[in-house]
Protein backbone atom coordinates (compact mmCIF):
# COMPACT_ATOMS: atom_id res chain seq x y z
CA MET A 1 -6.19 2.28 -17.10
CA ASN A 2 -9.35 1.65 -15.06
CA VAL A 3 -8.96 -1.73 -13.41
CA LYS A 4 -11.43 -3.46 -11.15
CA ARG A 5 -9.34 -5.06 -8.40
CA ASP A 6 -10.02 -7.51 -5.64
CA ASN A 7 -10.18 -5.49 -2.35
CA THR A 8 -10.28 -8.43 0.08
CA LEU A 9 -6.57 -7.99 0.95
CA GLU A 10 -7.09 -4.57 2.52
CA ARG A 11 -10.10 -5.75 4.58
CA TRP A 12 -8.26 -8.90 5.69
CA LEU A 13 -5.14 -7.00 6.84
CA LEU A 14 -7.24 -4.40 8.65
CA ASP A 15 -9.09 -7.19 10.47
CA LEU A 16 -5.75 -8.62 11.58
CA VAL A 17 -4.19 -5.37 12.78
CA ARG A 18 -7.01 -3.37 14.33
CA PRO A 19 -7.07 -5.42 17.58
CA LEU A 20 -3.33 -4.74 17.97
CA GLY A 21 -3.61 -0.92 17.87
CA ALA A 22 -1.96 1.79 15.75
CA ILE A 23 1.79 2.11 15.39
CA ARG A 24 3.82 5.34 15.24
CA ILE A 25 5.17 5.70 11.71
CA ALA A 26 7.33 8.38 10.10
CA VAL A 27 5.83 9.49 6.77
CA VAL A 28 8.75 10.81 4.79
CA HIS A 29 8.14 13.96 2.73
CA PRO A 30 4.44 13.50 1.92
CA CYS A 31 4.45 16.66 -0.14
CA ASP A 32 1.70 15.87 -2.57
CA ALA A 33 -2.05 15.41 -2.02
CA THR A 34 -2.02 11.65 -2.67
CA SER A 35 0.68 10.66 -0.15
CA LEU A 36 -0.57 13.11 2.48
CA ALA A 37 -4.21 11.96 2.15
CA ALA A 38 -3.15 8.27 2.36
CA ALA A 39 -1.37 8.89 5.66
CA LEU A 40 -4.37 10.76 7.05
CA ASP A 41 -6.77 8.01 5.84
CA ALA A 42 -4.70 5.31 7.53
CA ARG A 43 -4.71 7.36 10.73
CA ARG A 44 -8.47 7.82 10.57
CA ILE A 45 -8.94 4.04 10.16
CA GLY A 46 -6.78 3.47 13.24
CA VAL A 47 -3.79 1.71 11.65
CA ILE A 48 -1.04 4.31 12.17
CA ASP A 49 -0.16 7.37 14.24
CA PRO A 50 1.74 9.38 11.64
CA VAL A 51 4.68 11.68 12.17
CA LEU A 52 4.96 13.84 9.08
CA VAL A 53 8.61 14.57 8.26
CA ALA A 54 8.71 17.38 5.74
CA PRO A 55 8.89 21.13 5.28
CA ARG A 56 6.11 22.43 7.55
CA GLN A 57 5.04 25.34 5.37
CA LYS A 58 4.82 23.18 2.28
CA LEU A 59 2.77 20.56 4.11
CA GLU A 60 0.35 23.14 5.49
CA ARG A 61 -0.06 24.67 2.01
CA ILE A 62 -0.83 21.30 0.44
CA ALA A 63 -3.30 20.55 3.22
CA ARG A 64 -5.09 23.86 2.71
CA GLU A 65 -5.29 23.46 -1.06
CA ASN A 66 -6.77 19.94 -0.74
CA GLN A 67 -9.02 20.46 2.30
CA LEU A 68 -6.92 18.05 4.45
CA ASP A 69 -7.03 18.49 8.21
CA LEU A 70 -3.64 18.32 9.99
CA SER A 71 -5.13 18.91 13.46
CA GLY A 72 -3.43 16.77 16.10
CA ILE A 73 -0.78 15.49 13.66
CA THR A 74 2.87 15.64 14.69
CA ILE A 75 5.06 17.39 12.15
CA GLU A 76 8.87 17.15 12.11
CA ASP A 77 10.03 20.16 10.14
CA ALA A 78 12.68 19.26 7.58
CA ALA A 79 14.18 21.65 5.03
CA HIS A 80 13.87 19.31 2.04
CA SER A 81 13.38 15.70 0.99
CA HIS A 82 16.98 14.65 1.70
CA ALA A 83 16.83 16.07 5.21
CA ALA A 84 13.39 14.44 5.72
CA ALA A 85 14.82 11.00 4.88
CA ALA A 86 17.71 11.44 7.25
CA ARG A 87 15.50 12.70 10.06
CA ALA A 88 12.99 9.86 9.64
CA VAL A 89 15.73 7.27 9.80
CA ALA A 90 17.12 8.96 12.93
CA LEU A 91 13.68 8.79 14.57
CA ALA A 92 13.57 5.06 13.80
CA ARG A 93 17.07 4.48 15.20
CA ALA A 94 16.01 6.29 18.39
CA GLY A 95 12.94 4.10 18.72
CA LYS A 96 10.58 7.07 18.35
CA VAL A 97 8.76 5.51 15.36
CA GLU A 98 8.24 1.83 14.49
CA ALA A 99 8.03 2.06 10.70
CA LEU A 100 8.72 4.37 7.77
CA MET A 101 6.46 5.27 4.88
CA LYS A 102 7.67 6.84 1.60
CA GLY A 103 5.92 10.01 0.58
CA SER A 104 6.59 11.97 -2.58
CA LEU A 105 10.44 11.71 -2.59
CA HIS A 106 12.38 9.30 -4.79
CA THR A 107 12.81 5.78 -3.54
CA ASP A 108 16.64 6.00 -3.90
CA GLU A 109 16.68 9.05 -1.67
CA LEU A 110 14.82 7.28 1.16
CA MET A 111 16.65 3.99 0.80
CA GLY A 112 20.00 5.75 0.66
CA ALA A 113 19.36 7.04 4.20
CA VAL A 114 18.10 3.59 5.27
CA VAL A 115 21.25 1.71 4.12
CA ALA A 116 23.81 4.32 5.26
CA ALA A 117 26.63 2.47 6.99
CA ASP A 118 26.85 4.45 10.24
CA THR A 119 23.47 6.11 10.49
CA GLY A 120 21.06 3.76 8.72
CA LEU A 121 18.77 0.90 9.64
CA ARG A 122 20.69 -2.13 8.46
CA THR A 123 20.56 -5.45 10.25
CA ALA A 124 22.45 -8.68 9.61
CA ARG A 125 19.93 -9.45 6.85
CA ARG A 126 19.90 -8.10 3.34
CA ILE A 127 17.22 -5.45 2.87
CA THR A 128 14.62 -6.84 0.50
CA HIS A 129 11.15 -6.05 -0.80
CA CYS A 130 7.98 -8.14 -0.68
CA PHE A 131 4.69 -7.65 -2.51
CA LEU A 132 1.84 -9.25 -0.64
CA MET A 133 -0.92 -9.96 -3.19
CA GLN A 134 -4.44 -11.32 -3.38
CA THR A 135 -6.02 -12.26 -6.70
CA PRO A 136 -9.50 -13.72 -7.31
CA ALA A 137 -7.87 -16.66 -9.13
CA TYR A 138 -5.84 -17.90 -6.11
CA PRO A 139 -7.31 -19.14 -2.80
CA ARG A 140 -4.97 -17.28 -0.45
CA PRO A 141 -2.70 -14.23 -0.23
CA PHE A 142 0.83 -14.80 -1.56
CA ILE A 143 4.15 -13.00 -1.64
CA ILE A 144 6.21 -12.04 -4.67
CA THR A 145 9.87 -11.17 -3.95
CA ASP A 146 12.09 -9.30 -4.75
CA ALA A 147 10.46 -6.98 -7.28
CA ALA A 148 11.52 -3.54 -6.07
CA VAL A 149 14.92 -3.35 -4.32
CA ASN A 150 17.47 -6.00 -5.40
CA ILE A 151 18.05 -5.74 -9.13
CA ALA A 152 20.07 -8.88 -9.92
CA PRO A 153 20.52 -10.72 -6.62
CA THR A 154 23.32 -13.16 -5.98
CA LEU A 155 22.73 -16.56 -4.48
CA GLU A 156 23.65 -15.20 -1.03
CA GLU A 157 21.25 -12.27 -1.48
CA LYS A 158 18.50 -14.61 -2.66
CA ALA A 159 18.89 -16.60 0.53
CA ASP A 160 18.08 -13.47 2.51
CA ILE A 161 15.21 -12.72 0.17
CA VAL A 162 13.77 -16.12 1.04
CA ARG A 163 14.40 -15.66 4.76
CA ASN A 164 12.68 -12.29 4.84
CA ALA A 165 9.73 -13.58 2.89
CA ILE A 166 9.34 -16.52 5.26
CA ALA A 167 9.38 -14.11 8.18
CA LEU A 168 6.67 -11.95 6.54
CA ALA A 169 4.50 -14.94 5.75
CA LYS A 170 4.66 -15.98 9.38
CA VAL A 171 3.57 -12.48 10.45
CA ILE A 172 0.38 -12.86 8.48
CA GLY A 173 -0.33 -16.29 10.00
CA VAL A 174 1.26 -18.87 7.68
CA ALA A 175 2.77 -21.38 10.11
CA THR A 176 5.07 -23.15 7.57
CA PRO A 177 5.33 -21.04 4.35
CA ARG A 178 5.69 -22.90 1.08
CA VAL A 179 8.34 -21.15 -1.02
CA ALA A 180 8.60 -21.64 -4.78
CA ILE A 181 11.88 -20.59 -6.41
CA LEU A 182 10.72 -19.54 -9.87
CA ALA A 183 12.46 -20.09 -13.22
CA ALA A 184 11.29 -20.55 -16.78
CA VAL A 185 11.43 -24.34 -16.39
CA GLU A 186 11.13 -26.86 -13.58
CA THR A 187 14.36 -28.71 -14.30
CA VAL A 188 17.99 -27.70 -13.56
CA ASN A 189 19.71 -26.41 -16.68
CA PRO A 190 23.36 -25.35 -16.47
CA ARG A 191 22.76 -22.68 -19.07
CA MET A 192 19.98 -21.07 -16.99
CA PRO A 193 21.49 -19.53 -13.83
CA ALA A 194 18.07 -19.10 -12.18
CA THR A 195 17.64 -22.91 -12.12
CA LEU A 196 21.08 -23.38 -10.52
CA ASP A 197 20.28 -20.81 -7.82
CA ALA A 198 16.99 -22.53 -7.19
CA ALA A 199 18.67 -25.88 -6.70
CA ALA A 200 21.25 -24.37 -4.35
CA LEU A 201 18.57 -22.60 -2.30
CA CYS A 202 16.70 -25.85 -1.87
CA LYS A 203 19.86 -27.56 -0.63
CA MET A 204 20.49 -24.67 1.77
CA ALA A 205 17.03 -25.22 3.18
CA ASP A 206 17.68 -28.99 3.47
CA ARG A 207 20.87 -28.22 5.46
CA GLY A 208 19.19 -25.73 7.82
CA GLN A 209 20.75 -22.61 6.29
CA ILE A 210 17.25 -21.36 5.49
CA GLU A 211 14.71 -22.17 8.19
CA GLY A 212 11.02 -21.85 8.87
CA GLY A 213 9.55 -22.85 5.51
CA VAL A 214 9.40 -25.53 2.83
CA VAL A 215 11.47 -24.51 -0.18
CA ASP A 216 11.28 -26.06 -3.67
CA GLY A 217 12.54 -25.17 -7.12
CA PRO A 218 13.15 -24.55 -9.82
CA LEU A 219 9.44 -24.30 -10.50
CA ALA A 220 7.83 -22.54 -13.47
CA PHE A 221 5.10 -20.12 -12.54
CA ASP A 222 2.27 -22.47 -13.61
CA ASN A 223 3.64 -25.33 -11.53
CA ALA A 224 4.01 -23.12 -8.49
CA VAL A 225 0.39 -21.94 -8.44
CA SER A 226 -1.54 -24.73 -10.25
CA ALA A 227 -1.85 -28.21 -8.79
CA GLU A 228 -3.23 -29.39 -12.12
CA ALA A 229 -0.23 -28.01 -14.06
CA ALA A 230 2.11 -29.75 -11.63
CA ARG A 231 0.19 -33.01 -11.93
CA ILE A 232 0.27 -32.97 -15.72
CA LYS A 233 4.03 -32.45 -15.69
CA GLY A 234 4.52 -35.17 -13.10
CA ILE A 235 5.90 -32.88 -10.41
CA LYS A 236 5.70 -34.22 -6.90
CA SER A 237 6.24 -31.44 -4.45
CA ASP A 238 4.90 -30.05 -1.16
CA VAL A 239 5.12 -26.57 -2.71
CA ALA A 240 3.87 -27.00 -6.30
CA GLY A 241 0.33 -25.79 -6.83
CA ARG A 242 0.03 -24.09 -3.42
CA ALA A 243 2.95 -21.71 -2.97
CA ASP A 244 2.74 -18.96 -0.35
CA VAL A 245 5.90 -17.26 -1.60
CA LEU A 246 7.11 -16.80 -5.20
CA VAL A 247 10.82 -15.96 -5.37
CA VAL A 248 11.66 -14.44 -8.74
CA PRO A 249 15.01 -14.59 -10.53
CA ASP A 250 15.51 -10.79 -10.66
CA LEU A 251 13.76 -7.47 -10.13
CA GLU A 252 12.66 -7.08 -13.76
CA SER A 253 10.81 -10.39 -13.92
CA GLY A 254 9.30 -9.83 -10.45
CA ASN A 255 8.16 -6.28 -11.20
CA MET A 256 6.52 -7.36 -14.44
CA LEU A 257 4.84 -10.35 -12.79
CA ALA A 258 3.47 -8.26 -9.90
CA LYS A 259 2.16 -5.48 -12.21
CA GLN A 260 0.61 -7.96 -14.64
CA LEU A 261 -1.27 -9.58 -11.77
CA GLU A 262 -2.35 -6.16 -10.49
CA TYR A 263 -3.44 -4.56 -13.76
CA LEU A 264 -4.68 -7.56 -15.76
CA GLY A 265 -5.45 -10.08 -13.01
CA GLY A 266 -7.39 -7.77 -10.70
CA ALA A 267 -5.02 -8.40 -7.76
CA SER A 268 -4.81 -6.18 -4.77
CA ILE A 269 -1.35 -5.47 -3.52
CA ALA A 270 0.59 -4.26 -0.47
CA GLY A 271 4.32 -3.61 -0.72
CA ILE A 272 6.80 -3.57 2.18
CA VAL A 273 10.56 -3.62 2.72
CA MET A 274 11.91 -6.22 5.10
CA GLY A 275 15.35 -6.75 6.61
CA ALA A 276 15.76 -3.32 8.13
CA ARG A 277 15.30 -2.43 11.78
CA VAL A 278 11.79 -1.31 11.02
CA PRO A 279 9.36 -2.13 8.19
CA ILE A 280 9.29 0.35 5.33
CA VAL A 281 6.28 1.11 3.12
CA LEU A 282 7.48 1.94 -0.39
CA THR A 283 4.57 3.47 -2.24
CA SER A 284 4.34 4.18 -5.96
CA ARG A 285 2.72 7.26 -7.41
CA ALA A 286 0.27 4.93 -9.19
CA ASP A 287 -0.75 3.08 -6.02
CA SER A 288 -4.39 3.24 -5.06
CA SER A 289 -5.57 4.45 -1.69
CA GLU A 290 -6.58 0.87 -0.84
CA SER A 291 -3.08 -0.38 -1.65
CA ARG A 292 -1.45 2.31 0.51
CA ILE A 293 -3.70 1.52 3.48
CA ALA A 294 -3.11 -2.22 3.08
CA ALA A 295 0.68 -1.60 3.07
CA CYS A 296 0.32 0.49 6.25
CA ALA A 297 -1.59 -2.37 7.86
CA LEU A 298 1.07 -4.86 6.81
CA ALA A 299 3.82 -2.63 8.20
CA ALA A 300 1.88 -2.40 11.48
CA LEU A 301 1.69 -6.19 11.72
CA VAL A 302 5.47 -6.43 11.23
CA ALA A 303 6.08 -3.67 13.76
CA HIS A 304 3.99 -5.49 16.35
CA ARG A 305 5.99 -8.66 15.66
CA ASN A 306 9.25 -6.66 16.09
CA ARG A 307 8.19 -5.61 19.60
CA ALA A 308 8.33 -9.25 20.69
CA SER A 309 11.21 -10.30 18.48
CA PRO A 310 13.41 -7.40 17.29
CA PRO A 311 15.17 -7.96 13.92
């Protein structure tokens, strides 16, 4: 499907991160032309200093076949994708890289190494995923979470989803992020668990268990992003109509929402994993070059924040 997408997100993120300098990032098993070229493009632009963790001979063959120049690139030879994931995580634990980027291996393979109890990159926070998006129909970038890692999050897990999203919003310059907890309706309904979780999350924010943002919900999607829709329904809220973060009930609804906005709404997108010791770029095989570079820039912004305030 040929989609014309808004490309302002990539330019905006690059403008934010270029003055800060490139970060060292482990690119895990970039053993296809798309993922290898994306890493090299981000290096050329000045966003990352990649360490390619993969079988050396395979990388060099792919580079030759696709006229990609590996001159000056650090390569960590790993026998296969599983070994590459483990080695990349070890580099991050040792402080030798400040971020990870998924190559052509399966997401479960990389994240399995990230969440390993004794050798992984866990922190006190739940590991969660954020899509930063920009669409022509909305006046500012916004975050959708969690649409890629947590399948059916509990209330406790949703609290960390909110905390991580607030942290990411602050990284991109939102002083007090407005967080909308989405459901199908804007009223609490005992038969709709998403509305009960939304109400509980709001009370947690009221009591200081979630800090740094303004949280409101349940809000239907239209009320979260349209001030006019909120006005018509009589909703009085500091979040309604101008949300910076959209917290979805589960992965399926979030994934469908993000992809609908991307493919039918012309949105540009940058995905990143939060809650680990280092930011993690989870690419999809269908991601555009612009989306991959934007995600690298976003990871670099988080990595620079982590230097001053480690997770």
